[in-house]
Amino acid sequence: MDPLKTYDYLTTTRQRVFDAVRPLPPQRYQHQFTFGLKTIGGTLTHIMISEWYYIERLEGKTVPHYEQWPIKDENPPAFDVIEKTWHEQAKNIRASIATQSTANGGWTRTITWLSFPDDTRGNKRFHITCTAGDLVTQLALHEVHHRAQIMVMLRELGKPLADLDYNATMFDRREATT
């Protein structure tokens, strides 16, 4: 697996999601659904800040408590703010992923951190351990998981997206001549 190509797939398909969301009026962007993170704005915000979080961990940085984050799920910014912020963030994320294959053990390097108190598990804290590859895998699969929710939201709003599958997006296709 090529983590950089996987991230390029995410940014390519993310742009298609942005193109579908951009023309929505604010009431559609903030429309409450009965599943997932409830709104397109909340879901996009969650994916973006989670991506930032995973890369902070990948780079060995200390992540401040959620209450100190400038952007939070509960108060999603307007779409144009998310799009601009995420485009800038993506440049840094891609650069970070590009350096990981040669960084201190590469993708098999072990990363450990102490979790924040987990209110779903009795407010306990946990020592989390994974590899650098695991973090990038989580980043990618997490986005795909929530992007699927956004695709359903868009479908319910009458704005379905075309196929965003990896093979449809990233595999080379040439028309057969025989």
N, C-alpha and C. Protein backbone atom coordinates (compact mmCIF):
# COMPACT_ATOMS: atom_id res chain seq x y z
N MET A 1 0.85 -1.18 0.00
CA MET A 1 0.00 0.00 0.00
C MET A 1 0.89 1.23 0.00
N ASP A 2 0.50 2.23 -0.73
CA ASP A 2 1.25 3.49 -0.81
C ASP A 2 0.45 4.56 -0.05
N PRO A 3 0.87 4.88 1.17
CA PRO A 3 0.11 5.86 1.97
C PRO A 3 -0.07 7.22 1.29
N LEU A 4 0.92 7.64 0.53
CA LEU A 4 0.81 8.92 -0.14
C LEU A 4 -0.25 8.87 -1.24
N LYS A 5 -0.29 7.77 -1.99
CA LYS A 5 -1.32 7.62 -3.02
C LYS A 5 -2.71 7.52 -2.38
N THR A 6 -2.77 6.85 -1.24
CA THR A 6 -4.04 6.77 -0.51
C THR A 6 -4.51 8.16 -0.10
N TYR A 7 -3.58 8.98 0.39
CA TYR A 7 -3.97 10.35 0.77
C TYR A 7 -4.37 11.16 -0.46
N ASP A 8 -3.68 10.96 -1.57
CA ASP A 8 -4.07 11.66 -2.80
C ASP A 8 -5.49 11.27 -3.23
N TYR A 9 -5.83 10.00 -3.04
CA TYR A 9 -7.20 9.56 -3.31
C TYR A 9 -8.18 10.32 -2.42
N LEU A 10 -7.85 10.45 -1.13
CA LEU A 10 -8.74 11.18 -0.22
C LEU A 10 -8.92 12.62 -0.66
N THR A 11 -7.85 13.29 -1.03
CA THR A 11 -7.98 14.70 -1.42
C THR A 11 -8.71 14.85 -2.75
N THR A 12 -8.52 13.89 -3.65
CA THR A 12 -9.23 13.94 -4.94
C THR A 12 -10.74 13.76 -4.73
N THR A 13 -11.11 12.76 -3.96
CA THR A 13 -12.54 12.52 -3.74
C THR A 13 -13.14 13.57 -2.81
N ARG A 14 -12.34 14.08 -1.89
CA ARG A 14 -12.81 15.16 -1.00
C ARG A 14 -13.20 16.38 -1.85
N GLN A 15 -12.41 16.66 -2.88
CA GLN A 15 -12.74 17.80 -3.75
C GLN A 15 -14.08 17.59 -4.43
N ARG A 16 -14.39 16.36 -4.80
CA ARG A 16 -15.70 16.07 -5.41
C ARG A 16 -16.83 16.28 -4.41
N VAL A 17 -16.58 15.92 -3.16
CA VAL A 17 -17.57 16.19 -2.11
C VAL A 17 -17.73 17.70 -1.94
N PHE A 18 -16.61 18.42 -1.89
CA PHE A 18 -16.68 19.89 -1.78
C PHE A 18 -17.49 20.48 -2.93
N ASP A 19 -17.25 19.99 -4.14
CA ASP A 19 -17.97 20.51 -5.31
C ASP A 19 -19.47 20.26 -5.19
N ALA A 20 -19.86 19.16 -4.56
CA ALA A 20 -21.27 18.85 -4.37
C ALA A 20 -21.89 19.67 -3.25
N VAL A 21 -21.10 19.97 -2.21
CA VAL A 21 -21.62 20.68 -1.05
C VAL A 21 -21.64 22.19 -1.27
N ARG A 22 -20.65 22.72 -1.97
CA ARG A 22 -20.49 24.17 -2.14
C ARG A 22 -21.77 24.89 -2.57
N PRO A 23 -22.53 24.37 -3.55
CA PRO A 23 -23.73 25.11 -3.97
C PRO A 23 -24.93 25.00 -3.03
N LEU A 24 -24.83 24.18 -1.99
CA LEU A 24 -25.97 24.02 -1.08
C LEU A 24 -26.23 25.31 -0.32
N PRO A 25 -27.48 25.70 -0.17
CA PRO A 25 -27.78 26.84 0.70
C PRO A 25 -27.51 26.46 2.16
N PRO A 26 -27.24 27.45 3.02
CA PRO A 26 -26.90 27.15 4.42
C PRO A 26 -27.89 26.23 5.12
N GLN A 27 -29.19 26.36 4.85
CA GLN A 27 -30.16 25.50 5.53
C GLN A 27 -29.98 24.04 5.14
N ARG A 28 -29.54 23.76 3.92
CA ARG A 28 -29.28 22.38 3.50
C ARG A 28 -27.97 21.87 4.12
N TYR A 29 -26.96 22.73 4.18
CA TYR A 29 -25.67 22.40 4.78
C TYR A 29 -25.85 22.06 6.27
N GLN A 30 -26.81 22.70 6.90
CA GLN A 30 -27.07 22.52 8.33
C GLN A 30 -28.28 21.62 8.60
N HIS A 31 -28.86 21.05 7.56
CA HIS A 31 -30.04 20.18 7.71
C HIS A 31 -29.73 19.04 8.67
N GLN A 32 -30.65 18.78 9.60
CA GLN A 32 -30.47 17.72 10.60
C GLN A 32 -30.95 16.37 10.05
N PHE A 33 -30.05 15.40 10.06
CA PHE A 33 -30.38 14.03 9.67
C PHE A 33 -30.48 13.18 10.93
N THR A 34 -30.97 11.97 10.78
CA THR A 34 -31.17 11.11 11.95
C THR A 34 -29.99 10.16 12.18
N PHE A 35 -28.90 10.32 11.46
CA PHE A 35 -27.77 9.40 11.57
C PHE A 35 -26.46 10.18 11.55
N GLY A 36 -25.41 9.46 11.87
CA GLY A 36 -24.07 10.03 11.80
C GLY A 36 -23.91 11.23 12.71
N LEU A 37 -23.21 12.22 12.22
CA LEU A 37 -22.96 13.45 12.98
C LEU A 37 -24.03 14.51 12.69
N LYS A 38 -25.15 14.08 12.19
CA LYS A 38 -26.41 14.84 12.05
C LYS A 38 -26.44 15.85 10.90
N THR A 39 -25.34 16.56 10.60
CA THR A 39 -25.36 17.54 9.51
C THR A 39 -24.13 17.34 8.62
N ILE A 40 -24.22 17.84 7.40
CA ILE A 40 -23.06 17.80 6.51
C ILE A 40 -21.93 18.63 7.12
N GLY A 41 -22.25 19.80 7.63
CA GLY A 41 -21.23 20.66 8.24
C GLY A 41 -20.55 20.01 9.42
N GLY A 42 -21.32 19.39 10.28
CA GLY A 42 -20.75 18.71 11.44
C GLY A 42 -19.87 17.54 11.04
N THR A 43 -20.28 16.82 10.01
CA THR A 43 -19.53 15.66 9.55
C THR A 43 -18.22 16.10 8.89
N LEU A 44 -18.29 17.10 8.01
CA LEU A 44 -17.06 17.61 7.40
C LEU A 44 -16.09 18.12 8.45
N THR A 45 -16.63 18.84 9.43
CA THR A 45 -15.79 19.37 10.51
C THR A 45 -15.11 18.24 11.26
N HIS A 46 -15.88 17.22 11.59
CA HIS A 46 -15.34 16.08 12.33
C HIS A 46 -14.20 15.40 11.56
N ILE A 47 -14.39 15.17 10.28
CA ILE A 47 -13.35 14.52 9.49
C ILE A 47 -12.09 15.38 9.46
N MET A 48 -12.26 16.67 9.23
CA MET A 48 -11.12 17.57 9.12
C MET A 48 -10.32 17.64 10.42
N ILE A 49 -11.00 17.80 11.55
CA ILE A 49 -10.25 17.93 12.80
C ILE A 49 -9.68 16.59 13.24
N SER A 50 -10.33 15.50 12.88
CA SER A 50 -9.77 14.18 13.19
C SER A 50 -8.50 13.94 12.39
N GLU A 51 -8.51 14.34 11.13
CA GLU A 51 -7.31 14.20 10.30
C GLU A 51 -6.16 14.97 10.95
N TRP A 52 -6.42 16.18 11.38
CA TRP A 52 -5.39 16.99 12.05
C TRP A 52 -4.88 16.24 13.28
N TYR A 53 -5.80 15.71 14.07
CA TYR A 53 -5.44 14.99 15.30
C TYR A 53 -4.53 13.80 15.00
N TYR A 54 -4.88 12.99 13.99
CA TYR A 54 -4.09 11.81 13.67
C TYR A 54 -2.67 12.19 13.24
N ILE A 55 -2.54 13.25 12.48
CA ILE A 55 -1.20 13.65 12.04
C ILE A 55 -0.40 14.25 13.19
N GLU A 56 -1.06 14.96 14.08
CA GLU A 56 -0.35 15.45 15.27
C GLU A 56 0.23 14.27 16.04
N ARG A 57 -0.55 13.20 16.19
CA ARG A 57 -0.06 12.00 16.87
C ARG A 57 1.06 11.35 16.07
N LEU A 58 0.91 11.27 14.76
CA LEU A 58 1.92 10.68 13.90
C LEU A 58 3.25 11.41 14.05
N GLU A 59 3.18 12.71 14.17
CA GLU A 59 4.39 13.52 14.29
C GLU A 59 4.91 13.60 15.72
N GLY A 60 4.24 12.94 16.66
CA GLY A 60 4.70 12.91 18.04
C GLY A 60 4.43 14.18 18.82
N LYS A 61 3.50 14.99 18.34
CA LYS A 61 3.18 16.24 19.02
C LYS A 61 2.16 16.00 20.14
N THR A 62 2.19 16.87 21.12
CA THR A 62 1.20 16.84 22.19
C THR A 62 -0.06 17.52 21.69
N VAL A 63 -1.16 16.83 21.78
CA VAL A 63 -2.44 17.37 21.31
C VAL A 63 -3.16 17.99 22.50
N PRO A 64 -3.56 19.26 22.38
CA PRO A 64 -4.29 19.87 23.50
C PRO A 64 -5.65 19.21 23.69
N HIS A 65 -6.21 19.37 24.88
CA HIS A 65 -7.55 18.85 25.13
C HIS A 65 -8.54 19.45 24.13
N TYR A 66 -9.53 18.68 23.79
CA TYR A 66 -10.52 19.06 22.77
C TYR A 66 -11.12 20.44 23.03
N GLU A 67 -11.34 20.77 24.29
CA GLU A 67 -11.93 22.07 24.63
C GLU A 67 -11.08 23.24 24.11
N GLN A 68 -9.81 23.00 23.86
CA GLN A 68 -8.89 24.04 23.41
C GLN A 68 -8.74 24.09 21.89
N TRP A 69 -9.37 23.17 21.18
CA TRP A 69 -9.24 23.15 19.72
C TRP A 69 -9.99 24.35 19.14
N PRO A 70 -9.44 24.99 18.12
CA PRO A 70 -10.11 26.16 17.56
C PRO A 70 -11.39 25.84 16.79
N ILE A 71 -11.46 24.63 16.23
CA ILE A 71 -12.66 24.19 15.49
C ILE A 71 -13.13 22.90 16.13
N LYS A 72 -14.45 22.83 16.39
CA LYS A 72 -15.04 21.66 17.06
C LYS A 72 -16.27 21.18 16.29
N ASP A 73 -16.57 19.89 16.49
CA ASP A 73 -17.74 19.29 15.84
C ASP A 73 -19.03 20.02 16.17
N GLU A 74 -19.17 20.41 17.42
CA GLU A 74 -20.44 20.95 17.91
C GLU A 74 -20.80 22.31 17.30
N ASN A 75 -19.81 23.01 16.77
CA ASN A 75 -20.05 24.33 16.19
C ASN A 75 -19.33 24.42 14.84
N PRO A 76 -19.84 23.69 13.85
CA PRO A 76 -19.14 23.66 12.57
C PRO A 76 -19.11 25.03 11.90
N PRO A 77 -17.97 25.39 11.35
CA PRO A 77 -17.91 26.66 10.63
C PRO A 77 -18.65 26.58 9.30
N ALA A 78 -18.82 27.71 8.68
CA ALA A 78 -19.43 27.76 7.35
C ALA A 78 -18.59 26.93 6.39
N PHE A 79 -19.22 26.48 5.32
CA PHE A 79 -18.53 25.61 4.37
C PHE A 79 -17.26 26.25 3.83
N ASP A 80 -17.29 27.53 3.46
CA ASP A 80 -16.10 28.15 2.87
C ASP A 80 -14.92 28.14 3.84
N VAL A 81 -15.18 28.22 5.13
CA VAL A 81 -14.11 28.16 6.13
C VAL A 81 -13.53 26.75 6.17
N ILE A 82 -14.39 25.75 6.16
CA ILE A 82 -13.91 24.36 6.16
C ILE A 82 -13.08 24.10 4.92
N GLU A 83 -13.59 24.49 3.76
CA GLU A 83 -12.87 24.22 2.52
C GLU A 83 -11.50 24.88 2.52
N LYS A 84 -11.42 26.13 2.89
CA LYS A 84 -10.14 26.84 2.91
C LYS A 84 -9.19 26.24 3.94
N THR A 85 -9.69 26.00 5.14
CA THR A 85 -8.86 25.44 6.21
C THR A 85 -8.33 24.07 5.82
N TRP A 86 -9.19 23.25 5.26
CA TRP A 86 -8.81 21.88 4.92
C TRP A 86 -7.82 21.85 3.76
N HIS A 87 -7.96 22.75 2.79
CA HIS A 87 -6.99 22.81 1.69
C HIS A 87 -5.60 23.11 2.23
N GLU A 88 -5.52 24.05 3.16
CA GLU A 88 -4.23 24.38 3.77
C GLU A 88 -3.71 23.22 4.60
N GLN A 89 -4.56 22.64 5.38
CA GLN A 89 -4.18 21.51 6.22
C GLN A 89 -3.68 20.35 5.36
N ALA A 90 -4.35 20.09 4.25
CA ALA A 90 -4.00 18.96 3.39
C ALA A 90 -2.56 19.06 2.87
N LYS A 91 -2.10 20.26 2.60
CA LYS A 91 -0.71 20.43 2.14
C LYS A 91 0.25 19.94 3.22
N ASN A 92 -0.01 20.32 4.47
CA ASN A 92 0.85 19.90 5.58
C ASN A 92 0.74 18.40 5.83
N ILE A 93 -0.48 17.87 5.73
CA ILE A 93 -0.69 16.44 5.97
C ILE A 93 0.05 15.63 4.91
N ARG A 94 -0.07 16.04 3.66
CA ARG A 94 0.60 15.31 2.58
C ARG A 94 2.11 15.33 2.78
N ALA A 95 2.65 16.48 3.14
CA ALA A 95 4.09 16.59 3.39
C ALA A 95 4.51 15.69 4.55
N SER A 96 3.71 15.64 5.58
CA SER A 96 4.02 14.78 6.73
C SER A 96 4.01 13.31 6.33
N ILE A 97 3.00 12.90 5.58
CA ILE A 97 2.93 11.51 5.14
C ILE A 97 4.12 11.18 4.24
N ALA A 98 4.52 12.11 3.39
CA ALA A 98 5.64 11.88 2.48
C ALA A 98 6.94 11.63 3.23
N THR A 99 7.10 12.20 4.40
CA THR A 99 8.35 12.03 5.15
C THR A 99 8.34 10.80 6.05
N GLN A 100 7.20 10.19 6.27
CA GLN A 100 7.10 9.11 7.25
C GLN A 100 7.81 7.82 6.84
N SER A 101 7.88 7.53 5.56
CA SER A 101 8.49 6.26 5.15
C SER A 101 9.96 6.18 5.52
N THR A 102 10.60 7.32 5.70
CA THR A 102 12.02 7.33 6.06
C THR A 102 12.24 7.81 7.49
N ALA A 103 11.19 8.09 8.23
CA ALA A 103 11.32 8.66 9.58
C ALA A 103 11.42 7.57 10.63
N ASN A 104 12.53 7.48 11.31
CA ASN A 104 12.71 6.64 12.50
C ASN A 104 11.95 5.31 12.47
N GLY A 105 12.20 4.48 11.52
CA GLY A 105 11.52 3.17 11.49
C GLY A 105 10.38 3.11 10.50
N GLY A 106 10.11 4.21 9.84
CA GLY A 106 9.09 4.22 8.81
C GLY A 106 7.69 3.87 9.31
N TRP A 107 6.96 3.16 8.49
CA TRP A 107 5.55 2.88 8.76
C TRP A 107 5.34 1.88 9.88
N THR A 108 6.37 1.13 10.24
CA THR A 108 6.23 0.16 11.33
C THR A 108 6.64 0.75 12.68
N ARG A 109 7.04 2.00 12.68
CA ARG A 109 7.43 2.69 13.92
C ARG A 109 6.26 2.70 14.90
N THR A 110 6.56 2.39 16.17
CA THR A 110 5.53 2.36 17.20
C THR A 110 5.29 3.77 17.74
N ILE A 111 4.03 4.10 17.91
CA ILE A 111 3.62 5.40 18.46
C ILE A 111 2.70 5.10 19.65
N THR A 112 2.98 5.75 20.78
CA THR A 112 2.17 5.56 21.98
C THR A 112 1.82 6.91 22.57
N TRP A 113 0.59 7.04 23.07
CA TRP A 113 0.19 8.26 23.76
C TRP A 113 -0.85 7.92 24.82
N LEU A 114 -1.03 8.84 25.73
CA LEU A 114 -2.05 8.69 26.77
C LEU A 114 -3.31 9.39 26.28
N SER A 115 -4.40 8.65 26.26
CA SER A 115 -5.65 9.21 25.75
C SER A 115 -6.21 10.27 26.68
N PHE A 116 -7.12 11.03 26.15
CA PHE A 116 -7.91 11.93 26.98
C PHE A 116 -8.90 11.07 27.75
N PRO A 117 -9.46 11.55 28.85
CA PRO A 117 -10.50 10.78 29.55
C PRO A 117 -11.63 10.43 28.57
N ASP A 118 -12.04 9.20 28.58
CA ASP A 118 -13.06 8.71 27.66
C ASP A 118 -14.39 8.58 28.39
N ASP A 119 -15.30 9.51 28.12
CA ASP A 119 -16.59 9.50 28.83
C ASP A 119 -17.47 8.31 28.45
N THR A 120 -17.16 7.66 27.33
CA THR A 120 -17.93 6.46 26.96
C THR A 120 -17.41 5.22 27.67
N ARG A 121 -16.28 5.36 28.37
CA ARG A 121 -15.68 4.23 29.08
C ARG A 121 -15.38 4.62 30.53
N GLY A 122 -16.33 5.29 31.17
CA GLY A 122 -16.19 5.62 32.58
C GLY A 122 -15.16 6.68 32.88
N ASN A 123 -14.90 7.54 31.90
CA ASN A 123 -13.92 8.63 32.05
C ASN A 123 -12.50 8.12 32.29
N LYS A 124 -12.24 6.89 31.90
CA LYS A 124 -10.91 6.30 32.06
C LYS A 124 -9.98 6.82 30.95
N ARG A 125 -8.69 6.77 31.23
CA ARG A 125 -7.67 7.10 30.25
C ARG A 125 -6.97 5.81 29.84
N PHE A 126 -6.45 5.78 28.63
CA PHE A 126 -5.80 4.59 28.10
C PHE A 126 -4.48 4.95 27.46
N HIS A 127 -3.52 4.03 27.56
CA HIS A 127 -2.29 4.14 26.77
C HIS A 127 -2.62 3.53 25.42
N ILE A 128 -2.52 4.32 24.38
CA ILE A 128 -2.84 3.88 23.03
C ILE A 128 -1.52 3.60 22.31
N THR A 129 -1.43 2.45 21.66
CA THR A 129 -0.23 2.10 20.91
C THR A 129 -0.63 1.60 19.54
N CYS A 130 0.07 2.08 18.53
CA CYS A 130 -0.16 1.64 17.16
C CYS A 130 1.11 1.91 16.37
N THR A 131 1.09 1.60 15.10
CA THR A 131 2.22 1.94 14.24
C THR A 131 1.89 3.21 13.46
N ALA A 132 2.90 3.80 12.87
CA ALA A 132 2.68 4.96 12.00
C ALA A 132 1.73 4.60 10.86
N GLY A 133 1.89 3.38 10.33
CA GLY A 133 0.99 2.91 9.28
C GLY A 133 -0.44 2.78 9.75
N ASP A 134 -0.61 2.33 11.00
CA ASP A 134 -1.95 2.22 11.56
C ASP A 134 -2.64 3.59 11.61
N LEU A 135 -1.90 4.62 11.99
CA LEU A 135 -2.50 5.96 12.09
C LEU A 135 -2.96 6.47 10.73
N VAL A 136 -2.15 6.25 9.72
CA VAL A 136 -2.55 6.72 8.38
C VAL A 136 -3.70 5.86 7.84
N THR A 137 -3.69 4.58 8.17
CA THR A 137 -4.83 3.73 7.79
C THR A 137 -6.10 4.23 8.47
N GLN A 138 -6.02 4.55 9.76
CA GLN A 138 -7.19 5.08 10.48
C GLN A 138 -7.65 6.40 9.85
N LEU A 139 -6.72 7.27 9.54
CA LEU A 139 -7.06 8.55 8.92
C LEU A 139 -7.86 8.30 7.64
N ALA A 140 -7.38 7.39 6.80
CA ALA A 140 -8.05 7.13 5.52
C ALA A 140 -9.40 6.46 5.71
N LEU A 141 -9.45 5.41 6.52
CA LEU A 141 -10.71 4.69 6.68
C LEU A 141 -11.75 5.52 7.43
N HIS A 142 -11.30 6.34 8.35
CA HIS A 142 -12.20 7.23 9.08
C HIS A 142 -12.87 8.20 8.12
N GLU A 143 -12.07 8.79 7.22
CA GLU A 143 -12.66 9.72 6.25
C GLU A 143 -13.64 9.01 5.33
N VAL A 144 -13.28 7.84 4.85
CA VAL A 144 -14.17 7.11 3.95
C VAL A 144 -15.48 6.77 4.66
N HIS A 145 -15.39 6.35 5.91
CA HIS A 145 -16.58 6.02 6.71
C HIS A 145 -17.53 7.23 6.79
N HIS A 146 -17.00 8.36 7.18
CA HIS A 146 -17.86 9.54 7.33
C HIS A 146 -18.25 10.15 5.98
N ARG A 147 -17.38 10.01 4.97
CA ARG A 147 -17.75 10.49 3.65
C ARG A 147 -18.97 9.73 3.13
N ALA A 148 -19.04 8.45 3.44
CA ALA A 148 -20.22 7.67 3.04
C ALA A 148 -21.48 8.24 3.67
N GLN A 149 -21.38 8.69 4.91
CA GLN A 149 -22.54 9.33 5.55
C GLN A 149 -22.92 10.61 4.81
N ILE A 150 -21.92 11.41 4.43
CA ILE A 150 -22.21 12.64 3.68
C ILE A 150 -22.85 12.30 2.34
N MET A 151 -22.39 11.24 1.70
CA MET A 151 -22.98 10.85 0.42
C MET A 151 -24.46 10.49 0.58
N VAL A 152 -24.80 9.82 1.67
CA VAL A 152 -26.21 9.49 1.93
C VAL A 152 -26.99 10.78 2.20
N MET A 153 -26.41 11.69 2.97
CA MET A 153 -27.07 12.97 3.23
C MET A 153 -27.34 13.71 1.93
N LEU A 154 -26.34 13.76 1.07
CA LEU A 154 -26.51 14.44 -0.23
C LEU A 154 -27.58 13.75 -1.07
N ARG A 155 -27.60 12.43 -1.04
CA ARG A 155 -28.63 11.69 -1.79
C ARG A 155 -30.01 12.05 -1.27
N GLU A 156 -30.15 12.10 0.06
CA GLU A 156 -31.45 12.45 0.64
C GLU A 156 -31.85 13.89 0.32
N LEU A 157 -30.87 14.74 0.05
CA LEU A 157 -31.17 16.12 -0.35
C LEU A 157 -31.39 16.24 -1.86
N GLY A 158 -31.32 15.11 -2.57
CA GLY A 158 -31.52 15.12 -4.01
C GLY A 158 -30.28 15.51 -4.79
N LYS A 159 -29.11 15.39 -4.19
CA LYS A 159 -27.85 15.77 -4.82
C LYS A 159 -26.85 14.61 -4.77
N PRO A 160 -27.19 13.46 -5.36
CA PRO A 160 -26.30 12.30 -5.25
C PRO A 160 -24.96 12.52 -5.94
N LEU A 161 -23.93 11.90 -5.38
CA LEU A 161 -22.59 11.94 -5.95
C LEU A 161 -22.35 10.69 -6.78
N ALA A 162 -21.51 10.80 -7.79
CA ALA A 162 -21.11 9.64 -8.59
C ALA A 162 -20.17 8.77 -7.77
N ASP A 163 -19.81 7.64 -8.31
CA ASP A 163 -18.93 6.67 -7.66
C ASP A 163 -17.61 7.31 -7.23
N LEU A 164 -17.28 7.17 -5.96
CA LEU A 164 -16.01 7.68 -5.43
C LEU A 164 -15.10 6.54 -5.00
N ASP A 165 -15.35 5.35 -5.49
CA ASP A 165 -14.56 4.19 -5.14
C ASP A 165 -13.11 4.38 -5.61
N TYR A 166 -12.18 3.79 -4.86
CA TYR A 166 -10.76 3.93 -5.17
C TYR A 166 -10.45 3.51 -6.60
N ASN A 167 -10.95 2.34 -7.01
CA ASN A 167 -10.59 1.87 -8.36
C ASN A 167 -11.16 2.79 -9.44
N ALA A 168 -12.33 3.35 -9.22
CA ALA A 168 -12.92 4.25 -10.20
C ALA A 168 -12.17 5.59 -10.28
N THR A 169 -11.49 5.92 -9.21
CA THR A 169 -10.80 7.21 -9.12
C THR A 169 -9.32 7.11 -9.46
N MET A 170 -8.66 6.03 -9.02
CA MET A 170 -7.20 5.98 -9.08
C MET A 170 -6.61 4.98 -10.08
N PHE A 171 -7.38 4.00 -10.53
CA PHE A 171 -6.84 3.02 -11.47
C PHE A 171 -6.79 3.63 -12.86
N ASP A 172 -5.74 3.29 -13.59
CA ASP A 172 -5.61 3.73 -14.98
C ASP A 172 -6.61 2.96 -15.83
N ARG A 173 -7.34 3.67 -16.68
CA ARG A 173 -8.33 3.03 -17.55
C ARG A 173 -8.09 3.51 -18.99
N ARG A 174 -7.99 2.55 -19.87
CA ARG A 174 -7.89 2.83 -21.30
C ARG A 174 -8.94 2.01 -22.01
N GLU A 175 -9.62 2.63 -22.92
CA GLU A 175 -10.66 1.91 -23.67
C GLU A 175 -10.03 0.80 -24.49
N ALA A 176 -10.61 -0.37 -24.43
CA ALA A 176 -10.12 -1.51 -25.20
C ALA A 176 -10.42 -1.31 -26.68
N THR A 177 -9.46 -1.65 -27.48
CA THR A 177 -9.65 -1.49 -28.93
C THR A 177 -9.92 -2.80 -29.63
N THR A 178 -9.94 -3.89 -28.86
CA THR A 178 -10.19 -5.20 -29.50
C THR A 178 -11.55 -5.70 -29.18
